mmCIF file of all heavy atoms, coordinates in Angstrom:
data_MODEL
# 
_entry.id   MODEL 
# 
loop_
_atom_site.group_PDB 
_atom_site.id 
_atom_site.type_symbol 
_atom_site.label_atom_id 
_atom_site.label_alt_id 
_atom_site.label_comp_id 
_atom_site.label_asym_id 
_atom_site.label_entity_id 
_atom_site.label_seq_id 
_atom_site.pdbx_PDB_ins_code 
_atom_site.Cartn_x 
_atom_site.Cartn_y 
_atom_site.Cartn_z 
_atom_site.occupancy 
_atom_site.B_iso_or_equiv 
_atom_site.pdbx_formal_charge 
_atom_site.auth_seq_id 
_atom_site.auth_comp_id 
_atom_site.auth_asym_id 
_atom_site.auth_atom_id 
_atom_site.pdbx_PDB_model_num 
ATOM 1   N N   . GLY A 1 1  ? 88.083  87.260 -119.024 1.00 0.00 ? 1  GLY A N   1 
ATOM 2   C CA  . GLY A 1 1  ? 87.991  87.368 -120.476 1.00 0.00 ? 1  GLY A CA  1 
ATOM 3   C C   . GLY A 1 1  ? 87.974  86.056 -121.220 1.00 0.00 ? 1  GLY A C   1 
ATOM 4   O O   . GLY A 1 1  ? 88.068  86.041 -122.458 1.00 0.00 ? 1  GLY A O   1 
ATOM 5   N N   . ILE A 1 2  ? 87.846  84.943 -120.521 1.00 0.00 ? 2  ILE A N   1 
ATOM 6   C CA  . ILE A 1 2  ? 87.870  83.630 -121.171 1.00 0.00 ? 2  ILE A CA  1 
ATOM 7   C C   . ILE A 1 2  ? 86.455  83.269 -121.609 1.00 0.00 ? 2  ILE A C   1 
ATOM 8   O O   . ILE A 1 2  ? 85.551  83.173 -120.782 1.00 0.00 ? 2  ILE A O   1 
ATOM 9   C CB  . ILE A 1 2  ? 88.438  82.562 -120.213 1.00 0.00 ? 2  ILE A CB  1 
ATOM 10  C CG1 . ILE A 1 2  ? 89.851  82.963 -119.766 1.00 0.00 ? 2  ILE A CG1 1 
ATOM 11  C CG2 . ILE A 1 2  ? 88.442  81.194 -120.877 1.00 0.00 ? 2  ILE A CG2 1 
ATOM 12  C CD1 . ILE A 1 2  ? 90.406  82.112 -118.638 1.00 0.00 ? 2  ILE A CD1 1 
ATOM 13  N N   . GLU A 1 3  ? 86.284  83.062 -122.900 1.00 0.00 ? 3  GLU A N   1 
ATOM 14  C CA  . GLU A 1 3  ? 84.947  82.847 -123.434 1.00 0.00 ? 3  GLU A CA  1 
ATOM 15  C C   . GLU A 1 3  ? 84.785  81.565 -124.228 1.00 0.00 ? 3  GLU A C   1 
ATOM 16  O O   . GLU A 1 3  ? 83.677  81.021 -124.297 1.00 0.00 ? 3  GLU A O   1 
ATOM 17  C CB  . GLU A 1 3  ? 84.554  84.037 -124.326 1.00 0.00 ? 3  GLU A CB  1 
ATOM 18  C CG  . GLU A 1 3  ? 84.482  85.362 -123.573 1.00 0.00 ? 3  GLU A CG  1 
ATOM 19  C CD  . GLU A 1 3  ? 84.012  86.501 -124.446 1.00 0.00 ? 3  GLU A CD  1 
ATOM 20  O OE1 . GLU A 1 3  ? 83.859  86.272 -125.677 1.00 0.00 ? 3  GLU A OE1 1 
ATOM 21  O OE2 . GLU A 1 3  ? 83.785  87.611 -123.934 1.00 0.00 ? 3  GLU A OE2 1 
ATOM 22  N N   . SER A 1 4  ? 85.836  81.067 -124.831 1.00 0.00 ? 4  SER A N   1 
ATOM 23  C CA  . SER A 1 4  ? 85.686  79.964 -125.778 1.00 0.00 ? 4  SER A CA  1 
ATOM 24  C C   . SER A 1 4  ? 86.721  78.870 -125.556 1.00 0.00 ? 4  SER A C   1 
ATOM 25  O O   . SER A 1 4  ? 87.757  79.102 -124.913 1.00 0.00 ? 4  SER A O   1 
ATOM 26  C CB  . SER A 1 4  ? 85.830  80.494 -127.210 1.00 0.00 ? 4  SER A CB  1 
ATOM 27  O OG  . SER A 1 4  ? 87.183  80.864 -127.456 1.00 0.00 ? 4  SER A OG  1 
ATOM 28  N N   . PRO A 1 5  ? 86.476  77.688 -126.123 1.00 0.00 ? 5  PRO A N   1 
ATOM 29  C CA  . PRO A 1 5  ? 87.488  76.632 -126.085 1.00 0.00 ? 5  PRO A CA  1 
ATOM 30  C C   . PRO A 1 5  ? 88.810  77.077 -126.704 1.00 0.00 ? 5  PRO A C   1 
ATOM 31  O O   . PRO A 1 5  ? 89.880  76.693 -126.234 1.00 0.00 ? 5  PRO A O   1 
ATOM 32  C CB  . PRO A 1 5  ? 86.842  75.497 -126.880 1.00 0.00 ? 5  PRO A CB  1 
ATOM 33  C CG  . PRO A 1 5  ? 85.366  75.695 -126.672 1.00 0.00 ? 5  PRO A CG  1 
ATOM 34  C CD  . PRO A 1 5  ? 85.188  77.186 -126.673 1.00 0.00 ? 5  PRO A CD  1 
ATOM 35  N N   . ASP A 1 6  ? 88.742  77.898 -127.740 1.00 0.00 ? 6  ASP A N   1 
ATOM 36  C CA  . ASP A 1 6  ? 89.974  78.405 -128.366 1.00 0.00 ? 6  ASP A CA  1 
ATOM 37  C C   . ASP A 1 6  ? 90.784  79.235 -127.376 1.00 0.00 ? 6  ASP A C   1 
ATOM 38  O O   . ASP A 1 6  ? 92.022  79.197 -127.383 1.00 0.00 ? 6  ASP A O   1 
ATOM 39  C CB  . ASP A 1 6  ? 89.637  79.248 -129.594 1.00 0.00 ? 6  ASP A CB  1 
ATOM 40  C CG  . ASP A 1 6  ? 89.185  78.417 -130.784 1.00 0.00 ? 6  ASP A CG  1 
ATOM 41  O OD1 . ASP A 1 6  ? 89.400  77.187 -130.764 1.00 0.00 ? 6  ASP A OD1 1 
ATOM 42  O OD2 . ASP A 1 6  ? 88.601  78.991 -131.720 1.00 0.00 ? 6  ASP A OD2 1 
ATOM 43  N N   . ASP A 1 7  ? 90.096  79.991 -126.519 1.00 0.00 ? 7  ASP A N   1 
ATOM 44  C CA  . ASP A 1 7  ? 90.798  80.770 -125.499 1.00 0.00 ? 7  ASP A CA  1 
ATOM 45  C C   . ASP A 1 7  ? 91.542  79.853 -124.532 1.00 0.00 ? 7  ASP A C   1 
ATOM 46  O O   . ASP A 1 7  ? 92.679  80.123 -124.134 1.00 0.00 ? 7  ASP A O   1 
ATOM 47  C CB  . ASP A 1 7  ? 89.806  81.633 -124.702 1.00 0.00 ? 7  ASP A CB  1 
ATOM 48  C CG  . ASP A 1 7  ? 89.190  82.745 -125.528 1.00 0.00 ? 7  ASP A CG  1 
ATOM 49  O OD1 . ASP A 1 7  ? 89.772  83.107 -126.570 1.00 0.00 ? 7  ASP A OD1 1 
ATOM 50  O OD2 . ASP A 1 7  ? 88.127  83.248 -125.118 1.00 0.00 ? 7  ASP A OD2 1 
ATOM 51  N N   . ILE A 1 8  ? 90.895  78.744 -124.163 1.00 0.00 ? 8  ILE A N   1 
ATOM 52  C CA  . ILE A 1 8  ? 91.522  77.778 -123.253 1.00 0.00 ? 8  ILE A CA  1 
ATOM 53  C C   . ILE A 1 8  ? 92.777  77.193 -123.895 1.00 0.00 ? 8  ILE A C   1 
ATOM 54  O O   . ILE A 1 8  ? 93.832  77.086 -123.248 1.00 0.00 ? 8  ILE A O   1 
ATOM 55  C CB  . ILE A 1 8  ? 90.542  76.646 -122.890 1.00 0.00 ? 8  ILE A CB  1 
ATOM 56  C CG1 . ILE A 1 8  ? 89.321  77.202 -122.145 1.00 0.00 ? 8  ILE A CG1 1 
ATOM 57  C CG2 . ILE A 1 8  ? 91.242  75.571 -122.072 1.00 0.00 ? 8  ILE A CG2 1 
ATOM 58  C CD1 . ILE A 1 8  ? 89.599  77.765 -120.786 1.00 0.00 ? 8  ILE A CD1 1 
ATOM 59  N N   . VAL A 1 9  ? 92.677  76.809 -125.152 1.00 0.00 ? 9  VAL A N   1 
ATOM 60  C CA  . VAL A 1 9  ? 93.827  76.240 -125.863 1.00 0.00 ? 9  VAL A CA  1 
ATOM 61  C C   . VAL A 1 9  ? 94.973  77.243 -125.913 1.00 0.00 ? 9  VAL A C   1 
ATOM 62  O O   . VAL A 1 9  ? 96.138  76.903 -125.648 1.00 0.00 ? 9  VAL A O   1 
ATOM 63  C CB  . VAL A 1 9  ? 93.421  75.813 -127.287 1.00 0.00 ? 9  VAL A CB  1 
ATOM 64  C CG1 . VAL A 1 9  ? 94.653  75.401 -128.100 1.00 0.00 ? 9  VAL A CG1 1 
ATOM 65  C CG2 . VAL A 1 9  ? 92.420  74.659 -127.240 1.00 0.00 ? 9  VAL A CG2 1 
ATOM 66  N N   . TYR A 1 10 ? 94.661  78.476 -126.239 1.00 0.00 ? 10 TYR A N   1 
ATOM 67  C CA  . TYR A 1 10 ? 95.685  79.521 -126.311 1.00 0.00 ? 10 TYR A CA  1 
ATOM 68  C C   . TYR A 1 10 ? 96.353  79.741 -124.962 1.00 0.00 ? 10 TYR A C   1 
ATOM 69  O O   . TYR A 1 10 ? 97.595  79.748 -124.844 1.00 0.00 ? 10 TYR A O   1 
ATOM 70  C CB  . TYR A 1 10 ? 95.063  80.818 -126.818 1.00 0.00 ? 10 TYR A CB  1 
ATOM 71  C CG  . TYR A 1 10 ? 95.930  82.036 -126.629 1.00 0.00 ? 10 TYR A CG  1 
ATOM 72  C CD1 . TYR A 1 10 ? 97.121  82.191 -127.346 1.00 0.00 ? 10 TYR A CD1 1 
ATOM 73  C CD2 . TYR A 1 10 ? 95.566  83.031 -125.727 1.00 0.00 ? 10 TYR A CD2 1 
ATOM 74  C CE1 . TYR A 1 10 ? 97.923  83.306 -127.164 1.00 0.00 ? 10 TYR A CE1 1 
ATOM 75  C CE2 . TYR A 1 10 ? 96.359  84.151 -125.544 1.00 0.00 ? 10 TYR A CE2 1 
ATOM 76  C CZ  . TYR A 1 10 ? 97.536  84.287 -126.263 1.00 0.00 ? 10 TYR A CZ  1 
ATOM 77  O OH  . TYR A 1 10 ? 98.338  85.393 -126.076 1.00 0.00 ? 10 TYR A OH  1 
ATOM 78  N N   . LEU A 1 11 ? 95.557  79.898 -123.917 1.00 0.00 ? 11 LEU A N   1 
ATOM 79  C CA  . LEU A 1 11 ? 96.104  80.194 -122.586 1.00 0.00 ? 11 LEU A CA  1 
ATOM 80  C C   . LEU A 1 11 ? 96.864  79.009 -122.018 1.00 0.00 ? 11 LEU A C   1 
ATOM 81  O O   . LEU A 1 11 ? 97.863  79.188 -121.313 1.00 0.00 ? 11 LEU A O   1 
ATOM 82  C CB  . LEU A 1 11 ? 94.970  80.611 -121.651 1.00 0.00 ? 11 LEU A CB  1 
ATOM 83  C CG  . LEU A 1 11 ? 94.300  81.942 -122.025 1.00 0.00 ? 11 LEU A CG  1 
ATOM 84  C CD1 . LEU A 1 11 ? 93.008  82.133 -121.240 1.00 0.00 ? 11 LEU A CD1 1 
ATOM 85  C CD2 . LEU A 1 11 ? 95.249  83.116 -121.796 1.00 0.00 ? 11 LEU A CD2 1 
ATOM 86  N N   . ASN A 1 12 ? 96.435  77.809 -122.334 1.00 0.00 ? 12 ASN A N   1 
ATOM 87  C CA  . ASN A 1 12 ? 97.188  76.618 -121.927 1.00 0.00 ? 12 ASN A CA  1 
ATOM 88  C C   . ASN A 1 12 ? 98.575  76.633 -122.579 1.00 0.00 ? 12 ASN A C   1 
ATOM 89  O O   . ASN A 1 12 ? 99.575  76.306 -121.931 1.00 0.00 ? 12 ASN A O   1 
ATOM 90  C CB  . ASN A 1 12 ? 96.421  75.360 -122.329 1.00 0.00 ? 12 ASN A CB  1 
ATOM 91  C CG  . ASN A 1 12 ? 97.142  74.088 -121.961 1.00 0.00 ? 12 ASN A CG  1 
ATOM 92  O OD1 . ASN A 1 12 ? 97.293  73.752 -120.796 1.00 0.00 ? 12 ASN A OD1 1 
ATOM 93  N ND2 . ASN A 1 12 ? 97.603  73.356 -122.977 1.00 0.00 ? 12 ASN A ND2 1 
ATOM 94  N N   . GLY A 1 13 ? 98.622  77.036 -123.820 1.00 0.00 ? 13 GLY A N   1 
ATOM 95  C CA  . GLY A 1 13 ? 99.899  77.142 -124.515 1.00 0.00 ? 13 GLY A CA  1 
ATOM 96  C C   . GLY A 1 13 ? 100.796 78.224 -123.955 1.00 0.00 ? 13 GLY A C   1 
ATOM 97  O O   . GLY A 1 13 ? 102.017 78.188 -124.129 1.00 0.00 ? 13 GLY A O   1 
ATOM 98  N N   . CYS A 1 14 ? 100.186 79.189 -123.249 1.00 0.00 ? 14 CYS A N   1 
ATOM 99  C CA  . CYS A 1 14 ? 100.953 80.264 -122.624 1.00 0.00 ? 14 CYS A CA  1 
ATOM 100 C C   . CYS A 1 14 ? 101.504 79.857 -121.264 1.00 0.00 ? 14 CYS A C   1 
ATOM 101 O O   . CYS A 1 14 ? 102.271 80.626 -120.653 1.00 0.00 ? 14 CYS A O   1 
ATOM 102 C CB  . CYS A 1 14 ? 100.084 81.506 -122.443 1.00 0.00 ? 14 CYS A CB  1 
ATOM 103 S SG  . CYS A 1 14 ? 99.521  82.259 -123.983 1.00 0.00 ? 14 CYS A SG  1 
ATOM 104 N N   . GLY A 1 15 ? 101.110 78.684 -120.772 1.00 0.00 ? 15 GLY A N   1 
ATOM 105 C CA  . GLY A 1 15 ? 101.635 78.213 -119.503 1.00 0.00 ? 15 GLY A CA  1 
ATOM 106 C C   . GLY A 1 15 ? 100.646 78.186 -118.354 1.00 0.00 ? 15 GLY A C   1 
ATOM 107 O O   . GLY A 1 15 ? 101.011 77.839 -117.233 1.00 0.00 ? 15 GLY A O   1 
ATOM 108 N N   . ALA A 1 16 ? 99.393  78.523 -118.610 1.00 0.00 ? 16 ALA A N   1 
ATOM 109 C CA  . ALA A 1 16 ? 98.386  78.475 -117.552 1.00 0.00 ? 16 ALA A CA  1 
ATOM 110 C C   . ALA A 1 16 ? 97.988  77.034 -117.260 1.00 0.00 ? 16 ALA A C   1 
ATOM 111 O O   . ALA A 1 16 ? 97.738  76.254 -118.181 1.00 0.00 ? 16 ALA A O   1 
ATOM 112 C CB  . ALA A 1 16 ? 97.160  79.294 -117.945 1.00 0.00 ? 16 ALA A CB  1 
ATOM 113 N N   . SER A 1 17 ? 97.919  76.707 -115.972 1.00 0.00 ? 17 SER A N   1 
ATOM 114 C CA  . SER A 1 17 ? 97.547  75.349 -115.563 1.00 0.00 ? 17 SER A CA  1 
ATOM 115 C C   . SER A 1 17 ? 96.063  75.202 -115.318 1.00 0.00 ? 17 SER A C   1 
ATOM 116 O O   . SER A 1 17 ? 95.531  74.086 -115.312 1.00 0.00 ? 17 SER A O   1 
ATOM 117 C CB  . SER A 1 17 ? 98.281  74.978 -114.262 1.00 0.00 ? 17 SER A CB  1 
ATOM 118 O OG  . SER A 1 17 ? 99.671  75.047 -114.434 1.00 0.00 ? 17 SER A OG  1 
ATOM 119 N N   . ALA A 1 18 ? 95.380  76.316 -115.075 1.00 0.00 ? 18 ALA A N   1 
ATOM 120 C CA  . ALA A 1 18 ? 93.941  76.302 -114.824 1.00 0.00 ? 18 ALA A CA  1 
ATOM 121 C C   . ALA A 1 18 ? 93.371  77.636 -115.289 1.00 0.00 ? 18 ALA A C   1 
ATOM 122 O O   . ALA A 1 18 ? 94.113  78.588 -115.570 1.00 0.00 ? 18 ALA A O   1 
ATOM 123 C CB  . ALA A 1 18 ? 93.650  76.066 -113.339 1.00 0.00 ? 18 ALA A CB  1 
ATOM 124 N N   . PHE A 1 19 ? 92.033  77.692 -115.330 1.00 0.00 ? 19 PHE A N   1 
ATOM 125 C CA  . PHE A 1 19 ? 91.377  78.828 -115.956 1.00 0.00 ? 19 PHE A CA  1 
ATOM 126 C C   . PHE A 1 19 ? 90.164  79.220 -115.120 1.00 0.00 ? 19 PHE A C   1 
ATOM 127 O O   . PHE A 1 19 ? 89.260  78.408 -114.926 1.00 0.00 ? 19 PHE A O   1 
ATOM 128 C CB  . PHE A 1 19 ? 90.967  78.466 -117.388 1.00 0.00 ? 19 PHE A CB  1 
ATOM 129 C CG  . PHE A 1 19 ? 92.061  77.739 -118.122 1.00 0.00 ? 19 PHE A CG  1 
ATOM 130 C CD1 . PHE A 1 19 ? 92.148  76.346 -118.062 1.00 0.00 ? 19 PHE A CD1 1 
ATOM 131 C CD2 . PHE A 1 19 ? 93.045  78.429 -118.810 1.00 0.00 ? 19 PHE A CD2 1 
ATOM 132 C CE1 . PHE A 1 19 ? 93.178  75.659 -118.699 1.00 0.00 ? 19 PHE A CE1 1 
ATOM 133 C CE2 . PHE A 1 19 ? 94.079  77.758 -119.441 1.00 0.00 ? 19 PHE A CE2 1 
ATOM 134 C CZ  . PHE A 1 19 ? 94.148  76.369 -119.385 1.00 0.00 ? 19 PHE A CZ  1 
ATOM 135 N N   . LEU A 1 20 ? 90.168  80.459 -114.625 1.00 0.00 ? 20 LEU A N   1 
ATOM 136 C CA  . LEU A 1 20 ? 89.052  80.944 -113.819 1.00 0.00 ? 20 LEU A CA  1 
ATOM 137 C C   . LEU A 1 20 ? 88.084  81.674 -114.736 1.00 0.00 ? 20 LEU A C   1 
ATOM 138 O O   . LEU A 1 20 ? 88.446  82.670 -115.363 1.00 0.00 ? 20 LEU A O   1 
ATOM 139 C CB  . LEU A 1 20 ? 89.563  81.858 -112.706 1.00 0.00 ? 20 LEU A CB  1 
ATOM 140 C CG  . LEU A 1 20 ? 88.575  82.157 -111.578 1.00 0.00 ? 20 LEU A CG  1 
ATOM 141 C CD1 . LEU A 1 20 ? 89.326  82.525 -110.294 1.00 0.00 ? 20 LEU A CD1 1 
ATOM 142 C CD2 . LEU A 1 20 ? 87.599  83.268 -111.931 1.00 0.00 ? 20 LEU A CD2 1 
ATOM 143 N N   . VAL A 1 21 ? 86.865  81.162 -114.804 1.00 0.00 ? 21 VAL A N   1 
ATOM 144 C CA  . VAL A 1 21 ? 85.884  81.674 -115.765 1.00 0.00 ? 21 VAL A CA  1 
ATOM 145 C C   . VAL A 1 21 ? 84.573  81.964 -115.046 1.00 0.00 ? 21 VAL A C   1 
ATOM 146 O O   . VAL A 1 21 ? 84.021  81.085 -114.379 1.00 0.00 ? 21 VAL A O   1 
ATOM 147 C CB  . VAL A 1 21 ? 85.620  80.667 -116.902 1.00 0.00 ? 21 VAL A CB  1 
ATOM 148 C CG1 . VAL A 1 21 ? 84.775  81.319 -117.996 1.00 0.00 ? 21 VAL A CG1 1 
ATOM 149 C CG2 . VAL A 1 21 ? 86.929  80.124 -117.474 1.00 0.00 ? 21 VAL A CG2 1 
ATOM 150 N N   . GLY A 1 22 ? 84.093  83.179 -115.176 1.00 0.00 ? 22 GLY A N   1 
ATOM 151 C CA  . GLY A 1 22 ? 82.837  83.541 -114.541 1.00 0.00 ? 22 GLY A CA  1 
ATOM 152 C C   . GLY A 1 22 ? 81.808  84.061 -115.503 1.00 0.00 ? 22 GLY A C   1 
ATOM 153 O O   . GLY A 1 22 ? 80.798  83.425 -115.773 1.00 0.00 ? 22 GLY A O   1 
ATOM 154 N N   . THR A 1 23 ? 82.063  85.233 -116.079 1.00 0.00 ? 23 THR A N   1 
ATOM 155 C CA  . THR A 1 23 ? 81.052  85.945 -116.850 1.00 0.00 ? 23 THR A CA  1 
ATOM 156 C C   . THR A 1 23 ? 80.485  85.135 -118.003 1.00 0.00 ? 23 THR A C   1 
ATOM 157 O O   . THR A 1 23 ? 79.272  85.038 -118.170 1.00 0.00 ? 23 THR A O   1 
ATOM 158 C CB  . THR A 1 23 ? 81.626  87.273 -117.377 1.00 0.00 ? 23 THR A CB  1 
ATOM 159 O OG1 . THR A 1 23 ? 82.048  88.079 -116.273 1.00 0.00 ? 23 THR A OG1 1 
ATOM 160 C CG2 . THR A 1 23 ? 80.592  88.037 -118.187 1.00 0.00 ? 23 THR A CG2 1 
ATOM 161 N N   . SER A 1 24 ? 81.346  84.537 -118.819 1.00 0.00 ? 24 SER A N   1 
ATOM 162 C CA  . SER A 1 24 ? 80.849  83.842 -120.011 1.00 0.00 ? 24 SER A CA  1 
ATOM 163 C C   . SER A 1 24 ? 79.984  82.640 -119.648 1.00 0.00 ? 24 SER A C   1 
ATOM 164 O O   . SER A 1 24 ? 79.027  82.315 -120.353 1.00 0.00 ? 24 SER A O   1 
ATOM 165 C CB  . SER A 1 24 ? 82.013  83.414 -120.911 1.00 0.00 ? 24 SER A CB  1 
ATOM 166 O OG  . SER A 1 24 ? 82.858  82.477 -120.267 1.00 0.00 ? 24 SER A OG  1 
ATOM 167 N N   . ILE A 1 25 ? 80.306  81.973 -118.537 1.00 0.00 ? 25 ILE A N   1 
ATOM 168 C CA  . ILE A 1 25 ? 79.487  80.837 -118.093 1.00 0.00 ? 25 ILE A CA  1 
ATOM 169 C C   . ILE A 1 25 ? 78.159  81.327 -117.521 1.00 0.00 ? 25 ILE A C   1 
ATOM 170 O O   . ILE A 1 25 ? 77.088  80.790 -117.836 1.00 0.00 ? 25 ILE A O   1 
ATOM 171 C CB  . ILE A 1 25 ? 80.250  80.002 -117.045 1.00 0.00 ? 25 ILE A CB  1 
ATOM 172 C CG1 . ILE A 1 25 ? 81.440  79.297 -117.703 1.00 0.00 ? 25 ILE A CG1 1 
ATOM 173 C CG2 . ILE A 1 25 ? 79.323  78.979 -116.378 1.00 0.00 ? 25 ILE A CG2 1 
ATOM 174 C CD1 . ILE A 1 25 ? 82.362  78.594 -116.731 1.00 0.00 ? 25 ILE A CD1 1 
ATOM 175 N N   . MET A 1 26 ? 78.198  82.377 -116.707 1.00 0.00 ? 26 MET A N   1 
ATOM 176 C CA  . MET A 1 26 ? 76.979  82.890 -116.085 1.00 0.00 ? 26 MET A CA  1 
ATOM 177 C C   . MET A 1 26 ? 76.022  83.479 -117.116 1.00 0.00 ? 26 MET A C   1 
ATOM 178 O O   . MET A 1 26 ? 74.803  83.402 -116.973 1.00 0.00 ? 26 MET A O   1 
ATOM 179 C CB  . MET A 1 26 ? 77.336  83.948 -115.039 1.00 0.00 ? 26 MET A CB  1 
ATOM 180 C CG  . MET A 1 26 ? 78.076  83.425 -113.819 1.00 0.00 ? 26 MET A CG  1 
ATOM 181 S SD  . MET A 1 26 ? 77.084  82.335 -112.762 1.00 0.00 ? 26 MET A SD  1 
ATOM 182 C CE  . MET A 1 26 ? 75.883  83.483 -112.086 1.00 0.00 ? 26 MET A CE  1 
ATOM 183 N N   . LYS A 1 27 ? 76.566  84.067 -118.174 1.00 0.00 ? 27 LYS A N   1 
ATOM 184 C CA  . LYS A 1 27 ? 75.720  84.692 -119.187 1.00 0.00 ? 27 LYS A CA  1 
ATOM 185 C C   . LYS A 1 27 ? 75.248  83.715 -120.256 1.00 0.00 ? 27 LYS A C   1 
ATOM 186 O O   . LYS A 1 27 ? 74.353  84.036 -121.044 1.00 0.00 ? 27 LYS A O   1 
ATOM 187 C CB  . LYS A 1 27 ? 76.491  85.836 -119.882 1.00 0.00 ? 27 LYS A CB  1 
ATOM 188 C CG  . LYS A 1 27 ? 76.727  87.051 -119.007 1.00 0.00 ? 27 LYS A CG  1 
ATOM 189 C CD  . LYS A 1 27 ? 77.523  88.100 -119.746 1.00 0.00 ? 27 LYS A CD  1 
ATOM 190 C CE  . LYS A 1 27 ? 76.744  88.671 -120.917 1.00 0.00 ? 27 LYS A CE  1 
ATOM 191 N NZ  . LYS A 1 27 ? 77.492  89.779 -121.577 1.00 0.00 ? 27 LYS A NZ  1 
ATOM 192 N N   . GLY A 1 28 ? 75.831  82.529 -120.260 1.00 0.00 ? 28 GLY A N   1 
ATOM 193 C CA  . GLY A 1 28 ? 75.588  81.618 -121.367 1.00 0.00 ? 28 GLY A CA  1 
ATOM 194 C C   . GLY A 1 28 ? 74.234  80.944 -121.393 1.00 0.00 ? 28 GLY A C   1 
ATOM 195 O O   . GLY A 1 28 ? 73.845  80.362 -122.409 1.00 0.00 ? 28 GLY A O   1 
ATOM 196 N N   . GLY A 1 29 ? 73.509  80.975 -120.288 1.00 0.00 ? 29 GLY A N   1 
ATOM 197 C CA  . GLY A 1 29 ? 72.187  80.356 -120.265 1.00 0.00 ? 29 GLY A CA  1 
ATOM 198 C C   . GLY A 1 29 ? 72.192  78.940 -119.741 1.00 0.00 ? 29 GLY A C   1 
ATOM 199 O O   . GLY A 1 29 ? 71.522  78.637 -118.769 1.00 0.00 ? 29 GLY A O   1 
# 
């Protein structure tokens, strides 16, 4: 469900050290 830089900022603030991203990158062109 990670789609935007804002999502990364939010999840980093929640304690995540890394972010696994597939769909939004593959669909982005």
